[in-house]
Amino acid sequence: MPKFITTIDLPKASESDLENLHKELFNHSFKWELHAAKSKSYINDQEVFSIEGNVTLQEVNHLVLNAIGKVSKECSFFVMKDKRGSDLNSN
């Protein structure tokens, strides 16, 4: 099954915004790859999630856009297919 990884950049997100984003993504079977806690030790406020299953890149983009729509702050994202993860699962 394909695995997709998405990085979401939320430079002005509040803790409430992050909770809403997490809730939406977790409801659609996304898992945390990297959680950027709101602390000075992080260079930026990026959240990294993954989803695995019978989904297409377009479906993943749609799910992420819907989740971001719940956050009323400025944000950006990108999605990539993890070919390494897919190859490991196909053996």
N, C-alpha and C. Protein backbone atom coordinates (compact mmCIF):
# COMPACT_ATOMS: atom_id res chain seq x y z
N MET A 1 0.84 -1.18 0.00
CA MET A 1 0.00 0.00 0.00
C MET A 1 0.88 1.24 0.00
N PRO A 2 0.48 2.24 -0.73
CA PRO A 2 1.29 3.46 -0.76
C PRO A 2 1.27 4.20 0.57
N LYS A 3 2.37 4.87 0.84
CA LYS A 3 2.48 5.71 2.03
C LYS A 3 2.81 7.11 1.56
N PHE A 4 2.07 8.09 2.08
CA PHE A 4 2.29 9.49 1.75
C PHE A 4 2.68 10.23 3.01
N ILE A 5 3.61 11.17 2.88
CA ILE A 5 4.05 12.00 3.99
C ILE A 5 3.72 13.44 3.64
N THR A 6 3.11 14.14 4.58
CA THR A 6 2.78 15.54 4.36
C THR A 6 3.44 16.40 5.44
N THR A 7 3.99 17.51 5.01
CA THR A 7 4.57 18.49 5.92
C THR A 7 3.68 19.73 5.87
N ILE A 8 3.22 20.15 7.02
CA ILE A 8 2.33 21.32 7.12
C ILE A 8 3.06 22.37 7.93
N ASP A 9 3.20 23.55 7.35
CA ASP A 9 3.88 24.68 8.00
C ASP A 9 2.83 25.63 8.52
N LEU A 10 2.83 25.87 9.82
CA LEU A 10 1.83 26.71 10.49
C LEU A 10 2.52 27.81 11.29
N PRO A 11 3.01 28.84 10.63
CA PRO A 11 3.81 29.85 11.33
C PRO A 11 3.07 30.66 12.38
N LYS A 12 1.77 30.80 12.27
CA LYS A 12 1.02 31.64 13.22
C LYS A 12 -0.06 30.87 13.96
N ALA A 13 0.08 29.57 14.05
CA ALA A 13 -0.96 28.74 14.66
C ALA A 13 -0.90 28.79 16.18
N SER A 14 -2.07 28.84 16.76
CA SER A 14 -2.18 28.75 18.22
C SER A 14 -2.29 27.29 18.62
N GLU A 15 -2.23 27.03 19.88
CA GLU A 15 -2.38 25.65 20.38
C GLU A 15 -3.74 25.08 19.98
N SER A 16 -4.77 25.91 20.01
CA SER A 16 -6.11 25.49 19.60
C SER A 16 -6.15 25.13 18.11
N ASP A 17 -5.46 25.91 17.28
CA ASP A 17 -5.39 25.62 15.85
C ASP A 17 -4.73 24.27 15.62
N LEU A 18 -3.65 24.00 16.33
CA LEU A 18 -2.95 22.72 16.19
C LEU A 18 -3.83 21.56 16.63
N GLU A 19 -4.56 21.74 17.71
CA GLU A 19 -5.46 20.69 18.18
C GLU A 19 -6.53 20.38 17.14
N ASN A 20 -7.09 21.42 16.52
CA ASN A 20 -8.10 21.21 15.47
C ASN A 20 -7.50 20.49 14.28
N LEU A 21 -6.31 20.88 13.88
CA LEU A 21 -5.65 20.24 12.75
C LEU A 21 -5.39 18.77 13.06
N HIS A 22 -4.83 18.49 14.24
CA HIS A 22 -4.54 17.12 14.63
C HIS A 22 -5.80 16.27 14.64
N LYS A 23 -6.85 16.80 15.22
CA LYS A 23 -8.12 16.06 15.30
C LYS A 23 -8.61 15.68 13.91
N GLU A 24 -8.60 16.63 12.99
CA GLU A 24 -9.06 16.36 11.64
C GLU A 24 -8.20 15.31 10.95
N LEU A 25 -6.88 15.43 11.05
CA LEU A 25 -5.99 14.48 10.39
C LEU A 25 -6.09 13.09 11.02
N PHE A 26 -6.14 13.02 12.34
CA PHE A 26 -6.23 11.73 13.01
C PHE A 26 -7.55 11.03 12.66
N ASN A 27 -8.62 11.80 12.48
CA ASN A 27 -9.92 11.23 12.09
C ASN A 27 -9.86 10.58 10.71
N HIS A 28 -8.87 10.95 9.90
CA HIS A 28 -8.72 10.39 8.56
C HIS A 28 -7.50 9.46 8.47
N SER A 29 -7.12 8.87 9.61
CA SER A 29 -6.08 7.85 9.69
C SER A 29 -4.65 8.35 9.45
N PHE A 30 -4.43 9.65 9.58
CA PHE A 30 -3.05 10.14 9.52
C PHE A 30 -2.36 9.81 10.84
N LYS A 31 -1.04 9.63 10.76
CA LYS A 31 -0.23 9.38 11.95
C LYS A 31 0.87 10.44 12.01
N TRP A 32 1.31 10.72 13.22
CA TRP A 32 2.41 11.67 13.39
C TRP A 32 3.71 11.06 12.92
N GLU A 33 4.46 11.82 12.15
CA GLU A 33 5.84 11.46 11.83
C GLU A 33 6.77 12.34 12.66
N LEU A 34 6.39 13.60 12.84
CA LEU A 34 7.18 14.56 13.62
C LEU A 34 6.23 15.62 14.14
N HIS A 35 6.29 15.86 15.42
CA HIS A 35 5.44 16.87 16.04
C HIS A 35 6.32 18.02 16.50
N ALA A 36 6.09 19.18 15.95
CA ALA A 36 6.87 20.37 16.33
C ALA A 36 6.16 21.08 17.47
N ALA A 37 6.61 20.81 18.66
CA ALA A 37 6.04 21.46 19.84
C ALA A 37 6.30 22.96 19.76
N LYS A 38 5.43 23.72 20.34
CA LYS A 38 5.58 25.17 20.33
C LYS A 38 6.66 25.55 21.34
N SER A 39 7.91 25.48 20.90
CA SER A 39 9.01 25.84 21.79
C SER A 39 10.08 26.56 20.99
N LYS A 40 10.99 27.21 21.69
CA LYS A 40 12.06 27.97 21.05
C LYS A 40 13.09 27.07 20.37
N SER A 41 13.08 25.78 20.70
CA SER A 41 14.10 24.89 20.14
C SER A 41 13.82 24.52 18.68
N TYR A 42 12.64 24.82 18.19
CA TYR A 42 12.30 24.51 16.80
C TYR A 42 12.50 25.73 15.92
N ILE A 43 13.06 25.51 14.75
CA ILE A 43 13.31 26.60 13.81
C ILE A 43 12.01 27.13 13.24
N ASN A 44 11.09 26.23 12.94
CA ASN A 44 9.79 26.65 12.42
C ASN A 44 8.71 25.75 13.01
N ASP A 45 7.48 26.03 12.66
CA ASP A 45 6.35 25.31 13.23
C ASP A 45 5.79 24.32 12.23
N GLN A 46 6.55 23.30 11.93
CA GLN A 46 6.11 22.30 10.97
C GLN A 46 5.60 21.06 11.68
N GLU A 47 4.54 20.53 11.13
CA GLU A 47 3.98 19.27 11.58
C GLU A 47 4.15 18.29 10.42
N VAL A 48 4.57 17.06 10.71
CA VAL A 48 4.76 16.05 9.67
C VAL A 48 3.89 14.84 10.01
N PHE A 49 3.04 14.48 9.06
CA PHE A 49 2.12 13.36 9.22
C PHE A 49 2.29 12.39 8.07
N SER A 50 1.81 11.17 8.27
CA SER A 50 1.80 10.20 7.18
C SER A 50 0.45 9.50 7.15
N ILE A 51 0.15 8.96 5.98
CA ILE A 51 -1.05 8.15 5.81
C ILE A 51 -0.69 7.01 4.88
N GLU A 52 -1.18 5.84 5.21
CA GLU A 52 -0.88 4.65 4.43
C GLU A 52 -2.19 3.98 4.06
N GLY A 53 -2.31 3.51 2.85
CA GLY A 53 -3.52 2.80 2.46
C GLY A 53 -3.79 2.95 0.98
N ASN A 54 -4.97 2.55 0.59
CA ASN A 54 -5.38 2.64 -0.80
C ASN A 54 -5.92 4.03 -1.09
N VAL A 55 -5.03 5.00 -1.07
CA VAL A 55 -5.39 6.39 -1.36
C VAL A 55 -4.45 6.91 -2.45
N THR A 56 -4.94 7.87 -3.19
CA THR A 56 -4.14 8.51 -4.23
C THR A 56 -3.56 9.81 -3.70
N LEU A 57 -2.61 10.35 -4.43
CA LEU A 57 -2.04 11.64 -4.08
C LEU A 57 -3.12 12.71 -4.04
N GLN A 58 -4.04 12.69 -4.98
CA GLN A 58 -5.13 13.67 -5.02
C GLN A 58 -6.03 13.55 -3.80
N GLU A 59 -6.31 12.33 -3.37
CA GLU A 59 -7.14 12.14 -2.18
C GLU A 59 -6.43 12.66 -0.93
N VAL A 60 -5.14 12.42 -0.83
CA VAL A 60 -4.37 12.91 0.32
C VAL A 60 -4.36 14.44 0.32
N ASN A 61 -4.13 15.05 -0.84
CA ASN A 61 -4.17 16.52 -0.94
C ASN A 61 -5.52 17.04 -0.47
N HIS A 62 -6.60 16.40 -0.89
CA HIS A 62 -7.94 16.83 -0.52
C HIS A 62 -8.15 16.73 1.00
N LEU A 63 -7.72 15.63 1.59
CA LEU A 63 -7.85 15.46 3.04
C LEU A 63 -7.07 16.53 3.80
N VAL A 64 -5.85 16.80 3.35
CA VAL A 64 -5.03 17.81 4.02
C VAL A 64 -5.65 19.20 3.86
N LEU A 65 -6.12 19.52 2.67
CA LEU A 65 -6.76 20.83 2.45
C LEU A 65 -7.99 21.00 3.34
N ASN A 66 -8.78 19.95 3.49
CA ASN A 66 -9.95 20.03 4.37
C ASN A 66 -9.54 20.25 5.82
N ALA A 67 -8.49 19.56 6.26
CA ALA A 67 -8.01 19.74 7.63
C ALA A 67 -7.48 21.15 7.84
N ILE A 68 -6.72 21.65 6.87
CA ILE A 68 -6.19 23.01 6.97
C ILE A 68 -7.33 24.03 7.00
N GLY A 69 -8.42 23.73 6.29
CA GLY A 69 -9.58 24.62 6.29
C GLY A 69 -10.17 24.83 7.67
N LYS A 70 -9.92 23.90 8.59
CA LYS A 70 -10.40 24.03 9.97
C LYS A 70 -9.53 24.98 10.78
N VAL A 71 -8.34 25.28 10.25
CA VAL A 71 -7.41 26.18 10.92
C VAL A 71 -7.50 27.53 10.22
N SER A 72 -7.81 28.55 10.95
CA SER A 72 -8.05 29.85 10.33
C SER A 72 -6.79 30.70 10.20
N LYS A 73 -5.65 30.06 10.26
CA LYS A 73 -4.38 30.80 10.18
C LYS A 73 -3.70 30.53 8.85
N GLU A 74 -2.68 31.32 8.57
CA GLU A 74 -1.86 31.13 7.38
C GLU A 74 -1.09 29.82 7.50
N CYS A 75 -1.11 29.02 6.44
CA CYS A 75 -0.35 27.78 6.46
C CYS A 75 -0.08 27.30 5.04
N SER A 76 0.89 26.42 4.92
CA SER A 76 1.21 25.82 3.64
C SER A 76 1.56 24.36 3.89
N PHE A 77 1.54 23.56 2.81
CA PHE A 77 1.83 22.15 2.97
C PHE A 77 2.37 21.57 1.67
N PHE A 78 3.00 20.42 1.78
CA PHE A 78 3.32 19.63 0.60
C PHE A 78 3.18 18.15 0.97
N VAL A 79 2.90 17.36 -0.05
CA VAL A 79 2.71 15.92 0.13
C VAL A 79 3.66 15.20 -0.80
N MET A 80 4.28 14.13 -0.30
CA MET A 80 5.15 13.32 -1.15
C MET A 80 4.87 11.85 -0.88
N LYS A 81 5.12 11.04 -1.89
CA LYS A 81 4.95 9.60 -1.75
C LYS A 81 6.25 9.01 -1.22
N ASP A 82 6.13 8.20 -0.19
CA ASP A 82 7.30 7.54 0.40
C ASP A 82 7.51 6.22 -0.33
N LYS A 83 8.34 6.23 -1.34
CA LYS A 83 8.59 5.02 -2.13
C LYS A 83 9.34 3.98 -1.33
N ARG A 84 10.19 4.42 -0.44
CA ARG A 84 10.95 3.49 0.40
C ARG A 84 9.99 2.68 1.27
N GLY A 85 9.01 3.35 1.87
CA GLY A 85 8.02 2.65 2.70
C GLY A 85 7.17 1.70 1.89
N SER A 86 6.81 2.10 0.66
CA SER A 86 6.00 1.24 -0.20
C SER A 86 6.79 0.01 -0.61
N ASP A 87 8.07 0.17 -0.91
CA ASP A 87 8.90 -0.96 -1.32
C ASP A 87 9.06 -1.95 -0.17
N LEU A 88 9.21 -1.46 1.03
CA LEU A 88 9.39 -2.34 2.18
C LEU A 88 8.12 -3.17 2.41
N ASN A 89 6.95 -2.54 2.20
CA ASN A 89 5.69 -3.23 2.44
C ASN A 89 5.36 -4.23 1.35
N SER A 90 5.94 -4.08 0.17
CA SER A 90 5.59 -4.97 -0.94
C SER A 90 6.38 -6.27 -0.92
N ASN A 91 7.41 -6.40 -0.06
CA ASN A 91 8.22 -7.62 0.00
C ASN A 91 7.57 -8.68 0.85
